[in-house]
Protein backbone atom coordinates (compact mmCIF):
# COMPACT_ATOMS: atom_id res chain seq x y z
CA UNK A 1 0.34 16.55 1.12
CA UNK A 2 3.53 16.55 -0.19
CA UNK A 3 5.49 14.73 -2.73
CA UNK A 4 7.80 12.73 -0.37
CA UNK A 5 4.14 11.61 1.80
CA UNK A 6 2.83 10.17 -1.58
CA UNK A 7 5.75 8.19 -2.70
CA UNK A 8 5.76 6.48 0.53
CA UNK A 9 2.61 5.55 0.14
CA UNK A 10 2.75 3.92 -3.08
CA UNK A 11 6.20 2.26 -1.71
CA UNK A 12 4.12 1.02 0.74
CA UNK A 13 1.31 0.04 -1.50
CA UNK A 14 4.49 -2.05 -3.62
CA UNK A 15 5.38 -3.93 -0.82
CA UNK A 16 2.22 -4.83 0.22
CA UNK A 17 1.42 -5.81 -3.09
CA UNK A 18 4.70 -7.67 -3.41
CA UNK A 19 3.66 -9.80 -0.30
CA UNK A 20 0.23 -10.74 -1.56
CA UNK A 21 2.34 -12.08 -4.65
CA UNK A 22 4.46 -14.11 -2.34
CA UNK A 23 1.78 -15.49 0.09
CA UNK A 24 0.02 -16.89 -3.03
CA UNK A 25 3.61 -18.32 -4.77
CA UNK A 26 4.44 -20.16 -2.15
CA UNK A 27 1.77 -20.29 0.25
CA UNK A 28 -0.72 -21.26 -2.46
CA UNK A 29 0.73 -22.50 -5.42
CA UNK A 30 3.61 -24.54 -4.22
CA UNK A 31 1.89 -26.88 -2.21
CA UNK A 32 -0.47 -27.39 -4.98
CA UNK A 33 2.14 -28.40 -7.29
CA UNK A 34 4.15 -30.45 -4.91
CA UNK A 35 0.92 -32.27 -4.21
CA UNK A 36 0.44 -33.13 -7.74
CA UNK A 37 3.84 -34.96 -8.05
CA UNK A 38 2.40 -37.37 -5.83
CA UNK A 39 -1.35 -37.53 -6.36
CA UNK A 40 -2.09 -38.96 -2.85
CA UNK A 41 -5.37 -37.96 -1.66
CA UNK A 42 -4.20 -36.02 1.81
CA UNK A 43 -1.66 -34.43 0.19
CA UNK A 44 -4.19 -32.71 -2.37
CA UNK A 45 -6.27 -32.15 0.49
CA UNK A 46 -3.54 -30.44 2.80
CA UNK A 47 -2.27 -28.25 -0.58
CA UNK A 48 -6.24 -27.26 -1.57
CA UNK A 49 -6.46 -26.14 2.05
CA UNK A 50 -3.04 -24.03 1.82
CA UNK A 51 -4.13 -22.44 -1.72
CA UNK A 52 -7.21 -21.26 -0.17
CA UNK A 53 -5.42 -19.67 2.69
CA UNK A 54 -3.08 -18.67 0.38
CA UNK A 55 -5.33 -17.28 -1.64
CA UNK A 56 -7.09 -15.51 0.96
CA UNK A 57 -4.29 -13.76 2.63
CA UNK A 58 -2.94 -12.60 -0.48
CA UNK A 59 -6.13 -10.95 -1.38
CA UNK A 60 -6.24 -9.42 2.02
CA UNK A 61 -2.94 -8.05 1.80
CA UNK A 62 -3.90 -6.43 -2.02
CA UNK A 63 -6.84 -5.26 -0.69
CA UNK A 64 -4.74 -3.51 2.16
CA UNK A 65 -2.85 -2.42 -0.45
CA UNK A 66 -5.85 -0.53 -2.74
CA UNK A 67 -6.70 1.21 0.42
CA UNK A 68 -3.10 2.33 0.99
CA UNK A 69 -3.33 3.45 -2.37
CA UNK A 70 -7.28 5.37 -1.88
CA UNK A 71 -5.24 8.02 0.31
CA UNK A 72 -3.26 9.62 -2.13
CA UNK A 73 -7.35 10.07 -3.81
CA UNK A 74 -8.79 11.29 -0.52
CA UNK A 75 -5.79 13.94 0.56
CA UNK A 76 -6.36 15.18 -3.17
CA UNK A 77 -9.92 16.04 -2.66
CA UNK A 78 -9.01 17.55 0.75
CA UNK A 79 -6.93 20.01 -1.03
CA UNK A 80 -7.52 20.72 -4.31
CA UNK A 81 -4.74 22.07 -6.74
CA UNK A 82 -7.11 24.09 -8.77
């Protein structure tokens, strides 16, 4: 694997990790913060749903990013340099 291919894997993983932060922040924490301003039961229930959905989406994107980075380890085992 060339250095360029390794960098592409790192960039892809970094991009996915950034998306996971956006999903958690905007999709999860944003609605909760807004609902806390009104303290209405319905708003809080919807916000908690979005927090759960945002958290799960964030975790899944982070897991995909980790799998991308694991490609670096598996390719190094296939072609040892020593």
